[in-house]
N, C-alpha and C. Protein backbone atom coordinates (compact mmCIF):
# COMPACT_ATOMS: atom_id res chain seq x y z
N MET A 1 28.49 3.53 -2.73
CA MET A 1 29.64 2.53 -2.67
C MET A 1 30.98 3.28 -3.09
N ARG A 2 30.95 4.22 -3.81
CA ARG A 2 32.22 5.00 -4.14
C ARG A 2 32.83 5.54 -2.84
N ASP A 3 31.95 5.98 -1.90
CA ASP A 3 32.44 6.60 -0.73
C ASP A 3 33.25 5.51 0.16
N ASN A 4 32.94 4.21 -0.15
CA ASN A 4 33.71 3.10 0.54
C ASN A 4 34.82 2.51 -0.18
N GLY A 5 35.10 3.30 -1.32
CA GLY A 5 36.23 2.84 -2.11
C GLY A 5 36.05 1.69 -3.08
N ILE A 6 34.71 1.50 -3.33
CA ILE A 6 34.15 0.42 -4.32
C ILE A 6 33.68 0.99 -5.60
N GLN A 7 34.39 0.57 -6.70
CA GLN A 7 34.01 1.05 -8.01
C GLN A 7 33.51 -0.19 -8.77
N PHE A 8 32.49 -0.11 -9.38
CA PHE A 8 31.82 -1.31 -10.09
C PHE A 8 31.90 -0.93 -11.54
N ALA A 9 32.96 -1.40 -12.36
CA ALA A 9 32.97 -1.20 -13.75
C ALA A 9 32.13 -2.06 -14.56
N MET A 10 31.30 -1.57 -15.34
CA MET A 10 30.34 -2.22 -16.10
C MET A 10 30.94 -2.49 -17.59
N GLN A 11 30.81 -3.66 -18.15
CA GLN A 11 31.27 -3.95 -19.37
C GLN A 11 30.26 -3.45 -20.46
N GLN A 12 29.01 -3.47 -20.05
CA GLN A 12 27.94 -3.09 -21.09
C GLN A 12 27.29 -1.79 -20.57
N ASN A 13 26.53 -1.17 -21.40
CA ASN A 13 25.87 0.10 -21.12
C ASN A 13 24.56 -0.23 -20.32
N GLU A 14 24.67 -0.46 -19.05
CA GLU A 14 23.53 -0.75 -18.22
C GLU A 14 23.47 0.32 -17.07
N PRO A 15 22.24 0.60 -16.59
CA PRO A 15 22.19 1.57 -15.49
C PRO A 15 22.73 1.06 -14.21
N GLU A 16 23.27 1.91 -13.32
CA GLU A 16 23.87 1.57 -12.14
C GLU A 16 22.93 0.82 -11.23
N ASP A 17 21.63 1.07 -11.30
CA ASP A 17 20.64 0.38 -10.46
C ASP A 17 20.10 -0.79 -11.09
N HIS A 18 20.78 -1.41 -12.08
CA HIS A 18 20.29 -2.67 -12.71
C HIS A 18 20.13 -3.75 -11.65
N PHE A 19 18.94 -4.45 -11.57
CA PHE A 19 18.73 -5.39 -10.53
C PHE A 19 19.82 -6.43 -10.43
N GLY A 20 20.18 -7.00 -11.53
CA GLY A 20 21.19 -8.15 -11.60
C GLY A 20 22.58 -7.66 -11.15
N SER A 21 22.81 -6.33 -11.46
CA SER A 21 24.17 -5.72 -11.09
C SER A 21 24.20 -5.63 -9.62
N LEU A 22 23.14 -5.13 -9.08
CA LEU A 22 23.05 -4.83 -7.57
C LEU A 22 23.19 -6.20 -6.82
N LEU A 23 22.59 -7.30 -7.30
CA LEU A 23 22.76 -8.59 -6.68
C LEU A 23 24.15 -9.06 -6.85
N LEU A 24 24.73 -8.86 -7.95
CA LEU A 24 26.17 -9.25 -8.11
C LEU A 24 27.05 -8.59 -7.22
N LEU A 25 26.85 -7.13 -6.91
CA LEU A 25 27.60 -6.46 -6.13
C LEU A 25 27.36 -6.98 -4.65
N THR A 26 26.14 -7.22 -4.30
CA THR A 26 25.78 -7.73 -2.95
C THR A 26 26.59 -9.01 -2.72
N ALA A 27 26.57 -9.90 -3.65
CA ALA A 27 27.30 -11.19 -3.56
C ALA A 27 28.80 -10.93 -3.24
N TRP A 28 29.36 -10.04 -4.01
CA TRP A 28 30.74 -9.64 -3.94
C TRP A 28 31.04 -9.14 -2.60
N LEU A 29 30.27 -8.26 -2.04
CA LEU A 29 30.53 -7.63 -0.73
C LEU A 29 30.40 -8.72 0.37
N ALA A 30 29.46 -9.61 0.22
CA ALA A 30 29.26 -10.73 1.23
C ALA A 30 30.45 -11.61 1.20
N GLU A 31 30.79 -11.94 0.00
CA GLU A 31 32.00 -12.92 -0.10
C GLU A 31 33.27 -12.27 0.35
N ASN A 32 33.43 -11.00 0.27
CA ASN A 32 34.68 -10.39 0.73
C ASN A 32 34.55 -9.78 2.21
N GLU A 33 33.51 -10.29 2.85
CA GLU A 33 33.29 -10.01 4.20
C GLU A 33 33.25 -8.46 4.48
N ARG A 34 32.61 -7.72 3.67
CA ARG A 34 32.37 -6.28 3.78
C ARG A 34 30.88 -6.08 4.17
N HIS A 35 30.56 -6.56 5.39
CA HIS A 35 29.19 -6.73 5.90
C HIS A 35 28.52 -5.38 6.01
N THR A 36 29.22 -4.43 6.45
CA THR A 36 28.57 -3.01 6.65
C THR A 36 28.20 -2.45 5.34
N GLU A 37 29.15 -2.61 4.39
CA GLU A 37 28.82 -2.06 2.99
C GLU A 37 27.65 -2.90 2.36
N CYS A 38 27.62 -4.14 2.64
CA CYS A 38 26.66 -4.91 2.05
C CYS A 38 25.28 -4.57 2.64
N GLU A 39 25.17 -4.36 3.92
CA GLU A 39 23.87 -3.97 4.53
C GLU A 39 23.53 -2.56 4.06
N GLN A 40 24.45 -1.75 3.83
CA GLN A 40 24.08 -0.27 3.26
C GLN A 40 23.57 -0.44 1.93
N LEU A 41 24.18 -1.28 1.00
CA LEU A 41 23.75 -1.39 -0.33
C LEU A 41 22.36 -1.98 -0.26
N LEU A 42 22.04 -2.99 0.55
CA LEU A 42 20.71 -3.55 0.65
C LEU A 42 19.69 -2.57 1.11
N ALA A 43 20.03 -1.96 2.29
CA ALA A 43 19.02 -0.99 2.86
C ALA A 43 18.80 0.23 2.19
N TRP A 44 19.83 0.79 1.54
CA TRP A 44 19.47 2.11 0.85
C TRP A 44 19.35 2.03 -0.63
N HIS A 45 19.80 0.91 -1.24
CA HIS A 45 19.73 0.94 -2.77
C HIS A 45 19.01 -0.20 -3.31
N LEU A 46 18.59 -1.36 -2.68
CA LEU A 46 17.97 -2.42 -3.26
C LEU A 46 16.59 -2.70 -2.57
N PHE A 47 16.61 -2.80 -1.26
CA PHE A 47 15.33 -3.11 -0.56
C PHE A 47 14.23 -2.04 -0.80
N PRO A 48 14.57 -0.82 -0.88
CA PRO A 48 13.40 0.21 -0.98
C PRO A 48 12.54 -0.02 -2.32
N TRP A 49 13.04 -0.66 -3.35
CA TRP A 49 12.21 -0.84 -4.46
C TRP A 49 12.13 -2.27 -5.03
N SER A 50 12.86 -3.18 -4.46
CA SER A 50 13.05 -4.56 -4.97
C SER A 50 11.76 -5.30 -4.98
N SER A 51 10.88 -5.15 -3.86
CA SER A 51 9.71 -5.81 -3.85
C SER A 51 8.67 -5.44 -4.85
N ARG A 52 8.57 -4.17 -5.17
CA ARG A 52 7.80 -3.66 -6.28
C ARG A 52 8.21 -4.13 -7.56
N PHE A 53 9.60 -4.09 -7.79
CA PHE A 53 10.16 -4.53 -9.09
C PHE A 53 9.85 -6.04 -9.26
N LEU A 54 10.06 -6.90 -8.23
CA LEU A 54 9.83 -8.28 -8.37
C LEU A 54 8.33 -8.65 -8.52
N ASN A 55 7.55 -7.90 -7.91
CA ASN A 55 6.06 -8.18 -8.11
C ASN A 55 5.67 -7.83 -9.51
N VAL A 56 6.07 -6.83 -10.09
CA VAL A 56 5.82 -6.55 -11.56
C VAL A 56 6.51 -7.52 -12.41
N PHE A 57 7.78 -7.96 -12.11
CA PHE A 57 8.56 -8.92 -12.88
C PHE A 57 7.65 -10.25 -12.95
N ILE A 58 7.24 -10.70 -11.76
CA ILE A 58 6.61 -12.00 -11.68
C ILE A 58 5.26 -11.89 -12.45
N GLU A 59 4.49 -10.73 -12.25
CA GLU A 59 3.17 -10.56 -12.96
C GLU A 59 3.29 -10.52 -14.50
N LYS A 60 4.44 -9.91 -14.93
CA LYS A 60 4.50 -9.78 -16.40
C LYS A 60 5.35 -10.85 -17.02
N ALA A 61 5.84 -11.81 -16.30
CA ALA A 61 6.74 -12.84 -16.84
C ALA A 61 5.81 -13.87 -17.57
N ASP A 62 6.33 -14.17 -18.80
CA ASP A 62 5.55 -14.93 -19.78
C ASP A 62 5.85 -16.41 -19.67
N HIS A 63 6.77 -16.81 -18.77
CA HIS A 63 7.11 -18.19 -18.71
C HIS A 63 7.37 -18.51 -17.20
N PRO A 64 6.82 -19.81 -16.83
CA PRO A 64 6.89 -20.26 -15.48
C PRO A 64 8.33 -20.11 -14.91
N PHE A 65 9.37 -20.39 -15.70
CA PHE A 65 10.68 -20.26 -15.23
C PHE A 65 10.99 -18.89 -14.64
N TYR A 66 10.58 -17.86 -15.35
CA TYR A 66 10.88 -16.42 -14.96
C TYR A 66 10.00 -16.14 -13.73
N GLN A 67 8.81 -16.71 -13.71
CA GLN A 67 7.95 -16.47 -12.48
C GLN A 67 8.64 -17.07 -11.25
N ALA A 68 9.07 -18.31 -11.47
CA ALA A 68 9.70 -19.00 -10.19
C ALA A 68 11.02 -18.32 -9.85
N LEU A 69 11.73 -17.62 -10.88
CA LEU A 69 13.02 -17.02 -10.51
C LEU A 69 12.71 -15.81 -9.76
N GLY A 70 11.63 -15.03 -10.24
CA GLY A 70 11.13 -13.84 -9.44
C GLY A 70 10.70 -14.20 -8.12
N GLU A 71 10.03 -15.19 -7.94
CA GLU A 71 9.63 -15.65 -6.64
C GLU A 71 10.75 -15.99 -5.65
N LEU A 72 11.67 -16.88 -6.25
CA LEU A 72 12.85 -17.04 -5.51
C LEU A 72 13.57 -15.86 -5.02
N ALA A 73 13.73 -14.85 -5.92
CA ALA A 73 14.44 -13.69 -5.55
C ALA A 73 13.73 -12.90 -4.42
N ARG A 74 12.43 -12.85 -4.66
CA ARG A 74 11.54 -12.13 -3.72
C ARG A 74 11.63 -12.79 -2.37
N LEU A 75 11.64 -14.09 -2.11
CA LEU A 75 11.64 -14.80 -0.93
C LEU A 75 13.05 -14.69 -0.24
N THR A 76 14.15 -14.75 -1.08
CA THR A 76 15.49 -14.61 -0.64
C THR A 76 15.68 -13.19 -0.05
N LEU A 77 15.25 -12.26 -0.77
CA LEU A 77 15.43 -10.77 -0.36
C LEU A 77 14.65 -10.50 0.98
N ALA A 78 13.46 -11.07 1.06
CA ALA A 78 12.69 -10.89 2.23
C ALA A 78 13.38 -11.54 3.37
N GLN A 79 14.01 -12.77 3.29
CA GLN A 79 14.74 -13.30 4.33
C GLN A 79 15.86 -12.50 4.71
N TRP A 80 16.66 -11.99 3.68
CA TRP A 80 17.73 -11.09 4.09
C TRP A 80 17.28 -9.88 4.86
N GLN A 81 16.18 -9.28 4.37
CA GLN A 81 15.71 -8.06 5.06
C GLN A 81 15.26 -8.26 6.40
N SER A 82 14.77 -9.45 6.76
CA SER A 82 14.34 -9.81 8.19
C SER A 82 15.64 -9.95 9.06
N GLN A 83 16.72 -10.14 8.45
CA GLN A 83 18.03 -10.29 9.32
C GLN A 83 18.85 -8.98 9.34
N LEU A 84 18.37 -7.98 8.64
CA LEU A 84 19.13 -6.75 8.56
C LEU A 84 19.22 -6.06 9.86
N LEU A 85 20.28 -5.41 10.20
CA LEU A 85 20.37 -4.75 11.41
C LEU A 85 20.20 -3.25 11.29
N ILE A 86 20.16 -2.75 10.07
CA ILE A 86 19.81 -1.30 9.92
C ILE A 86 18.45 -1.14 9.19
N PRO A 87 17.94 0.15 9.49
CA PRO A 87 16.55 0.36 8.88
C PRO A 87 16.71 0.51 7.37
N VAL A 88 15.62 0.09 6.69
CA VAL A 88 15.60 0.25 5.23
C VAL A 88 15.09 1.65 4.89
N ALA A 89 15.74 2.21 3.96
CA ALA A 89 15.38 3.64 3.51
C ALA A 89 13.94 3.57 3.07
N ASP A 90 13.17 4.61 3.24
CA ASP A 90 11.84 4.83 2.79
C ASP A 90 11.90 5.73 1.59
N LYS A 91 11.77 5.26 0.44
CA LYS A 91 11.98 6.12 -0.83
C LYS A 91 10.66 5.98 -1.58
N PRO A 92 10.34 7.09 -2.24
CA PRO A 92 9.02 7.01 -3.10
C PRO A 92 9.28 6.26 -4.34
N LEU A 93 8.29 5.61 -4.74
CA LEU A 93 8.35 4.83 -6.06
C LEU A 93 7.35 5.49 -7.01
N PHE A 94 7.77 5.63 -8.23
CA PHE A 94 6.99 6.34 -9.20
C PHE A 94 6.23 5.52 -10.22
N ARG A 95 6.33 4.26 -10.16
CA ARG A 95 5.63 3.34 -11.09
C ARG A 95 5.05 2.17 -10.31
């Protein structure tokens, strides 16, 4: 994103690949009609690991609310991915 002139300043000490932060940045890009950058973020930085992350999130959730939240996120991202015009990066996952 820095290559595209986008800097995401965090108020808290969170990793740059924090799931919620990436969703927030995706929403900002879409809202500001920066579609190319949005697709790049999704294809290169979110989609390669989000399915695995959400599967574990749902499996480990101790409350139906969080299970449903994870399922909603998984379904939403799957729909977005089906409409993506660029290929999703194939990256190894280590957990």
